[in-house]
């Protein structure tokens, strides 16, 4: 009987360690979704809003030490789990809607933007982990890509927050600026949709900018963006392989980085399963609905662990890097869709 009592006490202690942090993360997550109903804030995804609300709370109110375990759990393990679940939102059939040309554009733009951003990061003196996050966010899909890249780079919460802030800023600028530029250049609706899908950072921003060019442009933009999202897994695998090499292992702060992270395997398996269509909609639909909520909770946790004073130490170079990278992907994407037949 005493054995069971001891086990119960241990279980209760573990739960007590995590509950305060999990409750705080849940409150910040709920706040992000509540703020999403405000006109201007509605243009941002709840994931982005959550990291800013978490930062505001942590740096104005403060976070008690008892919440640390729950926040850490949400910011790391929950993050990986949620990224894996993104696989259920993707099917290979979607690629056929934009054809080989569209997929090729997406792959070319992603690779060159990622490599260009890392190169520029070295020139500007941006720390390598933050440069990786900015490269992933710019070349793939904004905050989700930053979260996935962080799972293998092990960057500080301040690096993640800075990267998300930069991607949010330049993605929002693109969302409002690109429709105006399309009117000036006279680009066709379909080409405009490709351009938006290939270059704008967040999915929500792609939807907002894409449908400004009409229904056809909006649909092409969303499918093209999903093609970029599908390339997240290969990118993370490549990044893991590079960071797992002995000469770069120090970047991971002593962490052992697997060649293929488990959450990436989960992402690929679920994408295949979803493509085959063997998951009943009664199971898939709730998971698809819950996935962005879990990602938002993970971002809330990262925000709660971010120090504004440490953010200031980064200075302007990462912001300049994000701006230059955003311009780069916009220019090469525009050239591809307007010049290459």
C-alpha atoms as a PDB file:
ATOM      1  CA  UNK A   1       0.000   0.000   0.000  1.00  0.00           C
ATOM      2  CA  UNK A   2       2.861   2.360   0.836  1.00  0.00           C
ATOM      3  CA  UNK A   3       4.346   1.800  -2.637  1.00  0.00           C
ATOM      4  CA  UNK A   4       1.160   3.056  -4.267  1.00  0.00           C
ATOM      5  CA  UNK A   5       1.074   6.006  -1.906  1.00  0.00           C
ATOM      6  CA  UNK A   6       4.644   6.944  -2.810  1.00  0.00           C
ATOM      7  CA  UNK A   7       3.858   6.627  -6.512  1.00  0.00           C
ATOM      8  CA  UNK A   8       0.800   8.822  -6.098  1.00  0.00           C
ATOM      9  CA  UNK A   9       2.884  11.434  -4.295  1.00  0.00           C
ATOM     10  CA  UNK A  10       5.490  11.411  -7.068  1.00  0.00           C
ATOM     11  CA  UNK A  11       2.800  11.781  -9.733  1.00  0.00           C
ATOM     12  CA  UNK A  12       1.213  14.623  -7.804  1.00  0.00           C
ATOM     13  CA  UNK A  13       4.563  16.367  -7.477  1.00  0.00           C
ATOM     14  CA  UNK A  14       5.236  16.101 -11.210  1.00  0.00           C
ATOM     15  CA  UNK A  15       1.792  17.465 -12.037  1.00  0.00           C
ATOM     16  CA  UNK A  16       2.204  20.288  -9.540  1.00  0.00           C
ATOM     17  CA  UNK A  17       5.502  21.231 -11.183  1.00  0.00           C
ATOM     18  CA  UNK A  18       3.921  21.638 -14.622  1.00  0.00           C
ATOM     19  CA  UNK A  19       0.445  22.987 -13.849  1.00  0.00           C
ATOM     20  CA  UNK A  20       1.320  26.660 -13.071  1.00  0.00           C
ATOM     21  CA  UNK A  21       3.273  27.082 -16.306  1.00  0.00           C
ATOM     22  CA  UNK A  22       0.687  25.264 -18.416  1.00  0.00           C
ATOM     23  CA  UNK A  23      -2.099  27.427 -17.009  1.00  0.00           C
ATOM     24  CA  UNK A  24      -0.133  30.593 -17.764  1.00  0.00           C
ATOM     25  CA  UNK A  25       0.563  29.404 -21.319  1.00  0.00           C
ATOM     26  CA  UNK A  26      -3.135  28.610 -21.765  1.00  0.00           C
ATOM     27  CA  UNK A  27      -4.122  32.105 -20.592  1.00  0.00           C
ATOM     28  CA  UNK A  28      -1.697  33.785 -23.004  1.00  0.00           C
ATOM     29  CA  UNK A  29      -2.912  31.526 -25.834  1.00  0.00           C
ATOM     30  CA  UNK A  30      -6.543  32.389 -25.123  1.00  0.00           C
ATOM     31  CA  UNK A  31      -5.636  36.079 -25.022  1.00  0.00           C
ATOM     32  CA  UNK A  32      -4.009  35.815 -28.449  1.00  0.00           C
ATOM     33  CA  UNK A  33      -7.176  34.326 -29.922  1.00  0.00           C
ATOM     34  CA  UNK A  34      -9.282  36.974 -28.189  1.00  0.00           C
ATOM     35  CA  UNK A  35      -7.134  39.787 -29.585  1.00  0.00           C
ATOM     36  CA  UNK A  36      -7.538  38.259 -33.046  1.00  0.00           C
ATOM     37  CA  UNK A  37     -10.997  39.871 -33.198  1.00  0.00           C
ATOM     38  CA  UNK A  38      -9.500  43.374 -33.070  1.00  0.00           C
ATOM     39  CA  UNK A  39      -9.354  44.869 -36.617  1.00  0.00           C
ATOM     40  CA  UNK A  40      -5.618  45.472 -37.016  1.00  0.00           C
ATOM     41  CA  UNK A  41      -4.500  42.512 -34.901  1.00  0.00           C
ATOM     42  CA  UNK A  42      -6.756  40.243 -36.977  1.00  0.00           C
ATOM     43  CA  UNK A  43      -4.241  40.621 -39.810  1.00  0.00           C
ATOM     44  CA  UNK A  44      -1.709  38.712 -37.699  1.00  0.00           C
ATOM     45  CA  UNK A  45      -1.921  35.018 -36.958  1.00  0.00           C
ATOM     46  CA  UNK A  46      -2.649  34.085 -33.306  1.00  0.00           C
ATOM     47  CA  UNK A  47       0.816  32.469 -33.224  1.00  0.00           C
ATOM     48  CA  UNK A  48       2.475  35.814 -33.781  1.00  0.00           C
ATOM     49  CA  UNK A  49       0.151  37.611 -31.382  1.00  0.00           C
ATOM     50  CA  UNK A  50       0.824  34.995 -28.685  1.00  0.00           C
ATOM     51  CA  UNK A  51       4.576  35.495 -28.684  1.00  0.00           C
ATOM     52  CA  UNK A  52       4.141  39.260 -28.276  1.00  0.00           C
ATOM     53  CA  UNK A  53       1.544  38.873 -25.504  1.00  0.00           C
ATOM     54  CA  UNK A  54       3.862  36.411 -23.752  1.00  0.00           C
ATOM     55  CA  UNK A  55       6.767  38.847 -24.014  1.00  0.00           C
ATOM     56  CA  UNK A  56       4.636  41.699 -22.683  1.00  0.00           C
ATOM     57  CA  UNK A  57       3.501  39.650 -19.683  1.00  0.00           C
ATOM     58  CA  UNK A  58       6.981  38.320 -18.896  1.00  0.00           C
ATOM     59  CA  UNK A  59       8.666  41.707 -19.068  1.00  0.00           C
ATOM     60  CA  UNK A  60       5.967  43.848 -17.430  1.00  0.00           C
ATOM     61  CA  UNK A  61       4.315  41.527 -14.897  1.00  0.00           C
ATOM     62  CA  UNK A  62       7.022  38.877 -14.577  1.00  0.00           C
ATOM     63  CA  UNK A  63       6.923  35.077 -14.497  1.00  0.00           C
ATOM     64  CA  UNK A  64       7.198  33.190 -11.202  1.00  0.00           C
ATOM     65  CA  UNK A  65       9.810  30.437 -11.014  1.00  0.00           C
ATOM     66  CA  UNK A  66       7.092  27.846 -10.330  1.00  0.00           C
ATOM     67  CA  UNK A  67       5.835  28.313 -13.911  1.00  0.00           C
ATOM     68  CA  UNK A  68       9.205  27.472 -15.474  1.00  0.00           C
ATOM     69  CA  UNK A  69       8.675  23.728 -15.963  1.00  0.00           C
ATOM     70  CA  UNK A  70       5.292  24.085 -17.668  1.00  0.00           C
ATOM     71  CA  UNK A  71       6.535  26.883 -19.924  1.00  0.00           C
ATOM     72  CA  UNK A  72       9.599  24.851 -20.929  1.00  0.00           C
ATOM     73  CA  UNK A  73       7.407  21.835 -21.734  1.00  0.00           C
ATOM     74  CA  UNK A  74       5.141  23.930 -23.956  1.00  0.00           C
ATOM     75  CA  UNK A  75       7.991  25.714 -25.690  1.00  0.00           C
ATOM     76  CA  UNK A  76       9.904  22.578 -26.627  1.00  0.00           C
ATOM     77  CA  UNK A  77       8.052  19.268 -26.681  1.00  0.00           C
ATOM     78  CA  UNK A  78       4.639  20.712 -27.515  1.00  0.00           C
ATOM     79  CA  UNK A  79       6.279  22.692 -30.294  1.00  0.00           C
ATOM     80  CA  UNK A  80       7.764  19.600 -31.933  1.00  0.00           C
ATOM     81  CA  UNK A  81       4.490  17.693 -31.601  1.00  0.00           C
ATOM     82  CA  UNK A  82       2.505  20.510 -33.213  1.00  0.00           C
ATOM     83  CA  UNK A  83       4.936  20.857 -36.137  1.00  0.00           C
ATOM     84  CA  UNK A  84       4.603  17.117 -36.790  1.00  0.00           C
ATOM     85  CA  UNK A  85       0.812  17.452 -36.884  1.00  0.00           C
ATOM     86  CA  UNK A  86       1.120  19.998 -39.710  1.00  0.00           C
ATOM     87  CA  UNK A  87       1.620  16.990 -41.984  1.00  0.00           C
ATOM     88  CA  UNK A  88      -2.109  16.258 -41.832  1.00  0.00           C
ATOM     89  CA  UNK A  89      -2.832  19.596 -43.529  1.00  0.00           C
ATOM     90  CA  UNK A  90      -0.773  18.739 -46.598  1.00  0.00           C
ATOM     91  CA  UNK A  91      -1.266  16.322 -49.462  1.00  0.00           C
ATOM     92  CA  UNK A  92       0.902  15.646 -52.472  1.00  0.00           C
ATOM     93  CA  UNK A  93      -2.129  16.093 -54.715  1.00  0.00           C
ATOM     94  CA  UNK A  94      -1.965  19.816 -53.975  1.00  0.00           C
ATOM     95  CA  UNK A  95       1.312  20.011 -55.860  1.00  0.00           C
ATOM     96  CA  UNK A  96      -0.383  18.934 -59.083  1.00  0.00           C
ATOM     97  CA  UNK A  97      -2.512  22.077 -59.008  1.00  0.00           C
ATOM     98  CA  UNK A  98       0.518  24.291 -59.699  1.00  0.00           C
ATOM     99  CA  UNK A  99       2.432  21.778 -61.811  1.00  0.00           C
ATOM    100  CA  UNK A 100       6.129  21.046 -62.139  1.00  0.00           C
ATOM    101  CA  UNK A 101       6.833  24.698 -62.951  1.00  0.00           C
ATOM    102  CA  UNK A 102       5.291  25.956 -59.722  1.00  0.00           C
ATOM    103  CA  UNK A 103       6.985  23.313 -57.573  1.00  0.00           C
ATOM    104  CA  UNK A 104      10.310  24.069 -59.244  1.00  0.00           C
ATOM    105  CA  UNK A 105       9.895  27.785 -58.563  1.00  0.00           C
ATOM    106  CA  UNK A 106       9.122  27.072 -54.907  1.00  0.00           C
ATOM    107  CA  UNK A 107      12.151  24.800 -54.480  1.00  0.00           C
ATOM    108  CA  UNK A 108      14.509  27.195 -56.279  1.00  0.00           C
ATOM    109  CA  UNK A 109      13.306  30.225 -54.333  1.00  0.00           C
ATOM    110  CA  UNK A 110      13.514  28.408 -51.010  1.00  0.00           C
ATOM    111  CA  UNK A 111      17.057  27.091 -51.525  1.00  0.00           C
ATOM    112  CA  UNK A 112      18.545  30.290 -52.851  1.00  0.00           C
ATOM    113  CA  UNK A 113      16.833  32.490 -50.279  1.00  0.00           C
ATOM    114  CA  UNK A 114      17.966  30.271 -47.412  1.00  0.00           C
ATOM    115  CA  UNK A 115      21.577  30.212 -48.603  1.00  0.00           C
ATOM    116  CA  UNK A 116      21.573  33.925 -49.429  1.00  0.00           C
ATOM    117  CA  UNK A 117      20.259  34.777 -45.959  1.00  0.00           C
ATOM    118  CA  UNK A 118      22.974  32.723 -44.260  1.00  0.00           C
ATOM    119  CA  UNK A 119      25.627  34.396 -46.426  1.00  0.00           C
ATOM    120  CA  UNK A 120      24.308  37.870 -45.671  1.00  0.00           C
ATOM    121  CA  UNK A 121      24.081  36.949 -42.000  1.00  0.00           C
ATOM    122  CA  UNK A 122      27.799  36.261 -41.915  1.00  0.00           C
ATOM    123  CA  UNK A 123      28.535  39.563 -43.652  1.00  0.00           C
ATOM    124  CA  UNK A 124      26.369  41.481 -41.161  1.00  0.00           C
ATOM    125  CA  UNK A 125      27.756  39.644 -38.138  1.00  0.00           C
ATOM    126  CA  UNK A 126      24.401  38.097 -37.111  1.00  0.00           C
ATOM    127  CA  UNK A 127      24.825  35.090 -34.825  1.00  0.00           C
ATOM    128  CA  UNK A 128      24.483  31.811 -36.680  1.00  0.00           C
ATOM    129  CA  UNK A 129      21.448  30.474 -34.840  1.00  0.00           C
ATOM    130  CA  UNK A 130      19.425  33.653 -35.396  1.00  0.00           C
ATOM    131  CA  UNK A 131      20.494  33.688 -39.054  1.00  0.00           C
ATOM    132  CA  UNK A 132      19.176  30.120 -39.421  1.00  0.00           C
ATOM    133  CA  UNK A 133      15.829  31.134 -37.943  1.00  0.00           C
ATOM    134  CA  UNK A 134      15.514  34.183 -40.203  1.00  0.00           C
ATOM    135  CA  UNK A 135      16.509  32.110 -43.226  1.00  0.00           C
ATOM    136  CA  UNK A 136      13.871  29.477 -42.460  1.00  0.00           C
ATOM    137  CA  UNK A 137      11.143  32.009 -41.725  1.00  0.00           C
ATOM    138  CA  UNK A 138      11.813  33.979 -44.907  1.00  0.00           C
ATOM    139  CA  UNK A 139      12.290  31.060 -47.282  1.00  0.00           C
ATOM    140  CA  UNK A 140       9.493  28.752 -46.068  1.00  0.00           C
ATOM    141  CA  UNK A 141       6.528  29.794 -43.968  1.00  0.00           C
ATOM    142  CA  UNK A 142       7.175  32.409 -41.308  1.00  0.00           C
ATOM    143  CA  UNK A 143       6.614  31.582 -37.654  1.00  0.00           C
ATOM    144  CA  UNK A 144       5.962  27.853 -38.220  1.00  0.00           C
ATOM    145  CA  UNK A 145       9.277  27.462 -40.032  1.00  0.00           C
ATOM    146  CA  UNK A 146      11.067  29.432 -37.318  1.00  0.00           C
ATOM    147  CA  UNK A 147       9.562  27.112 -34.731  1.00  0.00           C
ATOM    148  CA  UNK A 148      10.635  24.011 -36.666  1.00  0.00           C
ATOM    149  CA  UNK A 149      14.150  25.342 -37.250  1.00  0.00           C
ATOM    150  CA  UNK A 150      14.460  26.231 -33.575  1.00  0.00           C
ATOM    151  CA  UNK A 151      13.701  22.620 -32.680  1.00  0.00           C
ATOM    152  CA  UNK A 152      17.025  21.601 -34.227  1.00  0.00           C
ATOM    153  CA  UNK A 153      19.142  24.725 -33.690  1.00  0.00           C
ATOM    154  CA  UNK A 154      18.250  25.130 -30.014  1.00  0.00           C
ATOM    155  CA  UNK A 155      18.342  28.916 -30.277  1.00  0.00           C
ATOM    156  CA  UNK A 156      17.560  31.138 -27.301  1.00  0.00           C
ATOM    157  CA  UNK A 157      13.982  32.337 -26.814  1.00  0.00           C
ATOM    158  CA  UNK A 158      15.211  35.859 -27.568  1.00  0.00           C
ATOM    159  CA  UNK A 159      16.479  34.698 -30.962  1.00  0.00           C
ATOM    160  CA  UNK A 160      13.094  33.152 -31.731  1.00  0.00           C
ATOM    161  CA  UNK A 161      11.207  36.254 -30.621  1.00  0.00           C
ATOM    162  CA  UNK A 162      13.455  38.536 -32.668  1.00  0.00           C
ATOM    163  CA  UNK A 163      13.083  36.322 -35.742  1.00  0.00           C
ATOM    164  CA  UNK A 164       9.287  36.198 -35.426  1.00  0.00           C
ATOM    165  CA  UNK A 165       9.133  39.985 -34.984  1.00  0.00           C
ATOM    166  CA  UNK A 166      11.217  40.535 -38.129  1.00  0.00           C
ATOM    167  CA  UNK A 167       9.213  38.072 -40.217  1.00  0.00           C
ATOM    168  CA  UNK A 168       5.971  39.620 -38.988  1.00  0.00           C
ATOM    169  CA  UNK A 169       7.115  43.124 -39.873  1.00  0.00           C
ATOM    170  CA  UNK A 170       8.268  42.410 -43.407  1.00  0.00           C
ATOM    171  CA  UNK A 171       5.483  39.934 -44.137  1.00  0.00           C
ATOM    172  CA  UNK A 172       2.906  42.540 -43.141  1.00  0.00           C
ATOM    173  CA  UNK A 173       4.604  45.172 -45.306  1.00  0.00           C
ATOM    174  CA  UNK A 174       4.528  42.757 -48.249  1.00  0.00           C
ATOM    175  CA  UNK A 175       0.850  41.972 -47.669  1.00  0.00           C
ATOM    176  CA  UNK A 176      -0.104  45.630 -48.151  1.00  0.00           C
ATOM    177  CA  UNK A 177       2.595  46.632 -50.655  1.00  0.00           C
ATOM    178  CA  UNK A 178       2.499  43.795 -53.197  1.00  0.00           C
ATOM    179  CA  UNK A 179      -1.111  44.347 -54.408  1.00  0.00           C
ATOM    180  CA  UNK A 180      -0.172  47.985 -55.101  1.00  0.00           C
ATOM    181  CA  UNK A 181       2.989  46.921 -56.973  1.00  0.00           C
ATOM    182  CA  UNK A 182       0.917  44.462 -59.027  1.00  0.00           C
ATOM    183  CA  UNK A 183      -1.270  47.317 -60.249  1.00  0.00           C
ATOM    184  CA  UNK A 184       1.812  49.305 -61.282  1.00  0.00           C
ATOM    185  CA  UNK A 185       3.439  46.403 -63.141  1.00  0.00           C
ATOM    186  CA  UNK A 186       0.305  44.996 -64.790  1.00  0.00           C
ATOM    187  CA  UNK A 187       1.196  41.422 -63.843  1.00  0.00           C
ATOM    188  CA  UNK A 188      -1.466  38.802 -64.726  1.00  0.00           C
ATOM    189  CA  UNK A 189      -3.718  37.388 -62.008  1.00  0.00           C
ATOM    190  CA  UNK A 190      -2.182  33.904 -62.168  1.00  0.00           C
ATOM    191  CA  UNK A 191       1.397  35.221 -62.155  1.00  0.00           C
ATOM    192  CA  UNK A 192       0.483  37.510 -59.265  1.00  0.00           C
ATOM    193  CA  UNK A 193      -0.835  34.507 -57.318  1.00  0.00           C
ATOM    194  CA  UNK A 194       2.414  32.630 -57.928  1.00  0.00           C
ATOM    195  CA  UNK A 195       4.425  35.661 -56.845  1.00  0.00           C
ATOM    196  CA  UNK A 196       2.509  36.054 -53.586  1.00  0.00           C
ATOM    197  CA  UNK A 197       2.682  32.344 -52.763  1.00  0.00           C
ATOM    198  CA  UNK A 198       6.401  32.215 -53.483  1.00  0.00           C
ATOM    199  CA  UNK A 199       7.473  35.286 -51.549  1.00  0.00           C
ATOM    200  CA  UNK A 200       5.105  36.315 -48.725  1.00  0.00           C
ATOM    201  CA  UNK A 201       6.007  34.800 -45.358  1.00  0.00           C
ATOM    202  CA  UNK A 202       2.909  33.771 -43.355  1.00  0.00           C
ATOM    203  CA  UNK A 203      -0.006  31.728 -44.717  1.00  0.00           C
ATOM    204  CA  UNK A 204      -2.469  34.299 -43.349  1.00  0.00           C
ATOM    205  CA  UNK A 205      -0.532  37.066 -45.092  1.00  0.00           C
ATOM    206  CA  UNK A 206      -0.602  35.083 -48.347  1.00  0.00           C
ATOM    207  CA  UNK A 207      -4.373  34.759 -48.108  1.00  0.00           C
ATOM    208  CA  UNK A 208      -4.752  38.466 -47.375  1.00  0.00           C
ATOM    209  CA  UNK A 209      -2.539  39.582 -50.260  1.00  0.00           C
ATOM    210  CA  UNK A 210      -3.431  36.830 -52.723  1.00  0.00           C
ATOM    211  CA  UNK A 211      -7.174  37.388 -52.891  1.00  0.00           C
ATOM    212  CA  UNK A 212      -6.600  41.109 -53.440  1.00  0.00           C
ATOM    213  CA  UNK A 213      -5.796  40.043 -57.009  1.00  0.00           C
ATOM    214  CA  UNK A 214      -9.025  38.097 -57.461  1.00  0.00           C
ATOM    215  CA  UNK A 215     -10.268  34.552 -56.830  1.00  0.00           C
ATOM    216  CA  UNK A 216      -7.864  32.859 -59.264  1.00  0.00           C
ATOM    217  CA  UNK A 217      -4.869  34.734 -57.878  1.00  0.00           C
ATOM    218  CA  UNK A 218      -5.858  33.886 -54.313  1.00  0.00           C
ATOM    219  CA  UNK A 219      -6.275  30.173 -55.009  1.00  0.00           C
ATOM    220  CA  UNK A 220      -2.944  29.961 -56.863  1.00  0.00           C
ATOM    221  CA  UNK A 221      -1.228  31.882 -54.051  1.00  0.00           C
ATOM    222  CA  UNK A 222      -2.500  29.533 -51.331  1.00  0.00           C
ATOM    223  CA  UNK A 223      -1.593  26.328 -53.210  1.00  0.00           C
ATOM    224  CA  UNK A 224       1.862  27.712 -54.061  1.00  0.00           C
ATOM    225  CA  UNK A 225       2.369  28.618 -50.417  1.00  0.00           C
ATOM    226  CA  UNK A 226       1.415  25.075 -49.381  1.00  0.00           C
ATOM    227  CA  UNK A 227       4.066  23.785 -51.776  1.00  0.00           C
ATOM    228  CA  UNK A 228       6.620  25.853 -49.844  1.00  0.00           C
ATOM    229  CA  UNK A 229       5.273  24.498 -46.545  1.00  0.00           C
ATOM    230  CA  UNK A 230       5.721  20.937 -47.816  1.00  0.00           C
ATOM    231  CA  UNK A 231       9.406  21.665 -48.317  1.00  0.00           C
ATOM    232  CA  UNK A 232       9.806  22.445 -44.613  1.00  0.00           C
ATOM    233  CA  UNK A 233      10.623  18.823 -43.789  1.00  0.00           C
ATOM    234  CA  UNK A 234      13.463  18.438 -46.346  1.00  0.00           C
ATOM    235  CA  UNK A 235      14.892  21.772 -45.214  1.00  0.00           C
ATOM    236  CA  UNK A 236      14.903  20.763 -41.538  1.00  0.00           C
ATOM    237  CA  UNK A 237      16.500  17.424 -42.414  1.00  0.00           C
ATOM    238  CA  UNK A 238      19.278  19.204 -44.327  1.00  0.00           C
ATOM    239  CA  UNK A 239      19.745  21.646 -41.455  1.00  0.00           C
ATOM    240  CA  UNK A 240      19.948  18.752 -38.978  1.00  0.00           C
ATOM    241  CA  UNK A 241      22.577  16.999 -41.098  1.00  0.00           C
ATOM    242  CA  UNK A 242      24.710  20.147 -41.255  1.00  0.00           C
ATOM    243  CA  UNK A 243      24.400  20.912 -37.536  1.00  0.00           C
ATOM    244  CA  UNK A 244      25.144  17.307 -36.574  1.00  0.00           C
ATOM    245  CA  UNK A 245      28.606  17.493 -38.149  1.00  0.00           C
ATOM    246  CA  UNK A 246      31.484  17.649 -35.619  1.00  0.00           C
ATOM    247  CA  UNK A 247      32.675  21.039 -36.837  1.00  0.00           C
ATOM    248  CA  UNK A 248      29.261  22.612 -36.263  1.00  0.00           C
ATOM    249  CA  UNK A 249      28.152  20.653 -33.189  1.00  0.00           C
ATOM    250  CA  UNK A 250      29.228  23.517 -30.921  1.00  0.00           C
ATOM    251  CA  UNK A 251      26.473  25.647 -32.405  1.00  0.00           C
ATOM    252  CA  UNK A 252      23.948  23.405 -30.685  1.00  0.00           C
ATOM    253  CA  UNK A 253      25.365  24.182 -27.247  1.00  0.00           C
ATOM    254  CA  UNK A 254      26.430  20.601 -26.665  1.00  0.00           C
ATOM    255  CA  UNK A 255      23.050  19.087 -27.628  1.00  0.00           C
ATOM    256  CA  UNK A 256      23.143  15.938 -29.730  1.00  0.00           C
ATOM    257  CA  UNK A 257      21.282  16.679 -32.947  1.00  0.00           C
ATOM    258  CA  UNK A 258      19.816  13.644 -34.790  1.00  0.00           C
ATOM    259  CA  UNK A 259      20.261  13.453 -38.545  1.00  0.00           C
ATOM    260  CA  UNK A 260      16.486  13.243 -38.964  1.00  0.00           C
ATOM    261  CA  UNK A 261      14.534  14.658 -35.986  1.00  0.00           C
ATOM    262  CA  UNK A 262      11.572  12.569 -34.852  1.00  0.00           C
ATOM    263  CA  UNK A 263       9.097  15.392 -35.362  1.00  0.00           C
ATOM    264  CA  UNK A 264      10.168  15.660 -39.027  1.00  0.00           C
ATOM    265  CA  UNK A 265       9.599  11.917 -39.461  1.00  0.00           C
ATOM    266  CA  UNK A 266       6.157  12.412 -37.949  1.00  0.00           C
ATOM    267  CA  UNK A 267       5.479  15.312 -40.320  1.00  0.00           C
ATOM    268  CA  UNK A 268       6.407  13.221 -43.372  1.00  0.00           C
ATOM    269  CA  UNK A 269       4.472  10.156 -42.243  1.00  0.00           C
ATOM    270  CA  UNK A 270       1.321  12.199 -41.613  1.00  0.00           C
ATOM    271  CA  UNK A 271       1.692  13.957 -44.975  1.00  0.00           C
ATOM    272  CA  UNK A 272       1.861  10.572 -46.714  1.00  0.00           C
ATOM    273  CA  UNK A 273      -1.071   9.251 -44.695  1.00  0.00           C
ATOM    274  CA  UNK A 274      -3.099  12.353 -45.539  1.00  0.00           C
ATOM    275  CA  UNK A 275      -2.179  12.069 -49.232  1.00  0.00           C
ATOM    276  CA  UNK A 276      -3.373   8.477 -49.346  1.00  0.00           C
ATOM    277  CA  UNK A 277      -6.610   9.538 -47.678  1.00  0.00           C
ATOM    278  CA  UNK A 278      -6.820   6.787 -45.079  1.00  0.00           C
ATOM    279  CA  UNK A 279      -7.485   9.099 -42.142  1.00  0.00           C
ATOM    280  CA  UNK A 280     -11.240   9.480 -41.530  1.00  0.00           C
ATOM    281  CA  UNK A 281     -12.371  13.092 -41.633  1.00  0.00           C
ATOM    282  CA  UNK A 282     -13.939  12.666 -38.193  1.00  0.00           C
ATOM    283  CA  UNK A 283     -10.394  12.170 -36.828  1.00  0.00           C
ATOM    284  CA  UNK A 284      -8.490  14.477 -39.159  1.00  0.00           C
ATOM    285  CA  UNK A 285     -10.721  17.558 -38.810  1.00  0.00           C
ATOM    286  CA  UNK A 286     -10.326  17.979 -35.019  1.00  0.00           C
ATOM    287  CA  UNK A 287      -6.548  17.491 -35.299  1.00  0.00           C
ATOM    288  CA  UNK A 288      -6.307  20.089 -38.077  1.00  0.00           C
ATOM    289  CA  UNK A 289      -8.313  22.482 -35.909  1.00  0.00           C
ATOM    290  CA  UNK A 290      -6.173  21.826 -32.831  1.00  0.00           C
ATOM    291  CA  UNK A 291      -2.781  22.112 -34.553  1.00  0.00           C
ATOM    292  CA  UNK A 292      -2.666  25.934 -34.861  1.00  0.00           C
ATOM    293  CA  UNK A 293      -3.831  26.185 -31.244  1.00  0.00           C
ATOM    294  CA  UNK A 294      -0.934  23.993 -30.124  1.00  0.00           C
ATOM    295  CA  UNK A 295       1.499  26.040 -32.209  1.00  0.00           C
ATOM    296  CA  UNK A 296       0.071  29.205 -30.687  1.00  0.00           C
ATOM    297  CA  UNK A 297       0.579  27.766 -27.191  1.00  0.00           C
ATOM    298  CA  UNK A 298       4.192  26.934 -28.057  1.00  0.00           C
ATOM    299  CA  UNK A 299       4.756  30.484 -29.279  1.00  0.00           C
ATOM    300  CA  UNK A 300       3.156  31.828 -26.114  1.00  0.00           C
ATOM    301  CA  UNK A 301       5.654  29.801 -24.088  1.00  0.00           C
ATOM    302  CA  UNK A 302       8.561  31.168 -26.117  1.00  0.00           C
ATOM    303  CA  UNK A 303       7.278  34.689 -25.547  1.00  0.00           C
ATOM    304  CA  UNK A 304       7.053  34.061 -21.804  1.00  0.00           C
ATOM    305  CA  UNK A 305      10.697  33.044 -21.814  1.00  0.00           C
ATOM    306  CA  UNK A 306      11.922  36.103 -23.700  1.00  0.00           C
ATOM    307  CA  UNK A 307      13.782  39.006 -22.109  1.00  0.00           C
ATOM    308  CA  UNK A 308      13.430  42.368 -23.847  1.00  0.00           C
ATOM    309  CA  UNK A 309      16.767  43.503 -22.400  1.00  0.00           C
ATOM    310  CA  UNK A 310      18.456  40.558 -24.152  1.00  0.00           C
ATOM    311  CA  UNK A 311      16.604  41.360 -27.364  1.00  0.00           C
ATOM    312  CA  UNK A 312      18.172  44.816 -27.407  1.00  0.00           C
ATOM    313  CA  UNK A 313      21.608  43.227 -27.408  1.00  0.00           C
ATOM    314  CA  UNK A 314      21.014  41.935 -30.950  1.00  0.00           C
ATOM    315  CA  UNK A 315      20.884  45.477 -32.315  1.00  0.00           C
ATOM    316  CA  UNK A 316      19.838  46.325 -35.874  1.00  0.00           C
ATOM    317  CA  UNK A 317      21.861  43.839 -38.007  1.00  0.00           C
ATOM    318  CA  UNK A 318      19.272  40.992 -37.742  1.00  0.00           C
ATOM    319  CA  UNK A 319      16.501  43.433 -38.707  1.00  0.00           C
ATOM    320  CA  UNK A 320      18.547  44.557 -41.725  1.00  0.00           C
ATOM    321  CA  UNK A 321      19.163  40.901 -42.606  1.00  0.00           C
ATOM    322  CA  UNK A 322      15.447  40.089 -42.495  1.00  0.00           C
ATOM    323  CA  UNK A 323      14.655  43.086 -44.683  1.00  0.00           C
ATOM    324  CA  UNK A 324      17.305  42.248 -47.278  1.00  0.00           C
ATOM    325  CA  UNK A 325      16.237  38.579 -47.341  1.00  0.00           C
ATOM    326  CA  UNK A 326      12.587  39.588 -47.817  1.00  0.00           C
ATOM    327  CA  UNK A 327      13.498  41.820 -50.738  1.00  0.00           C
ATOM    328  CA  UNK A 328      15.658  39.044 -52.217  1.00  0.00           C
ATOM    329  CA  UNK A 329      12.895  36.414 -52.227  1.00  0.00           C
ATOM    330  CA  UNK A 330      10.393  38.963 -53.579  1.00  0.00           C
ATOM    331  CA  UNK A 331      12.677  39.933 -56.477  1.00  0.00           C
ATOM    332  CA  UNK A 332      13.741  36.435 -57.539  1.00  0.00           C
ATOM    333  CA  UNK A 333      10.132  35.202 -57.264  1.00  0.00           C
ATOM    334  CA  UNK A 334       8.881  38.055 -59.431  1.00  0.00           C
ATOM    335  CA  UNK A 335      11.581  37.409 -62.022  1.00  0.00           C
ATOM    336  CA  UNK A 336      10.748  33.695 -62.132  1.00  0.00           C
ATOM    337  CA  UNK A 337       7.009  34.135 -62.673  1.00  0.00           C
ATOM    338  CA  UNK A 338       7.345  36.935 -65.225  1.00  0.00           C
ATOM    339  CA  UNK A 339      10.386  35.836 -67.252  1.00  0.00           C
ATOM    340  CA  UNK A 340      10.451  32.019 -67.205  1.00  0.00           C
ATOM    341  CA  UNK A 341       7.659  30.583 -69.421  1.00  0.00           C
END
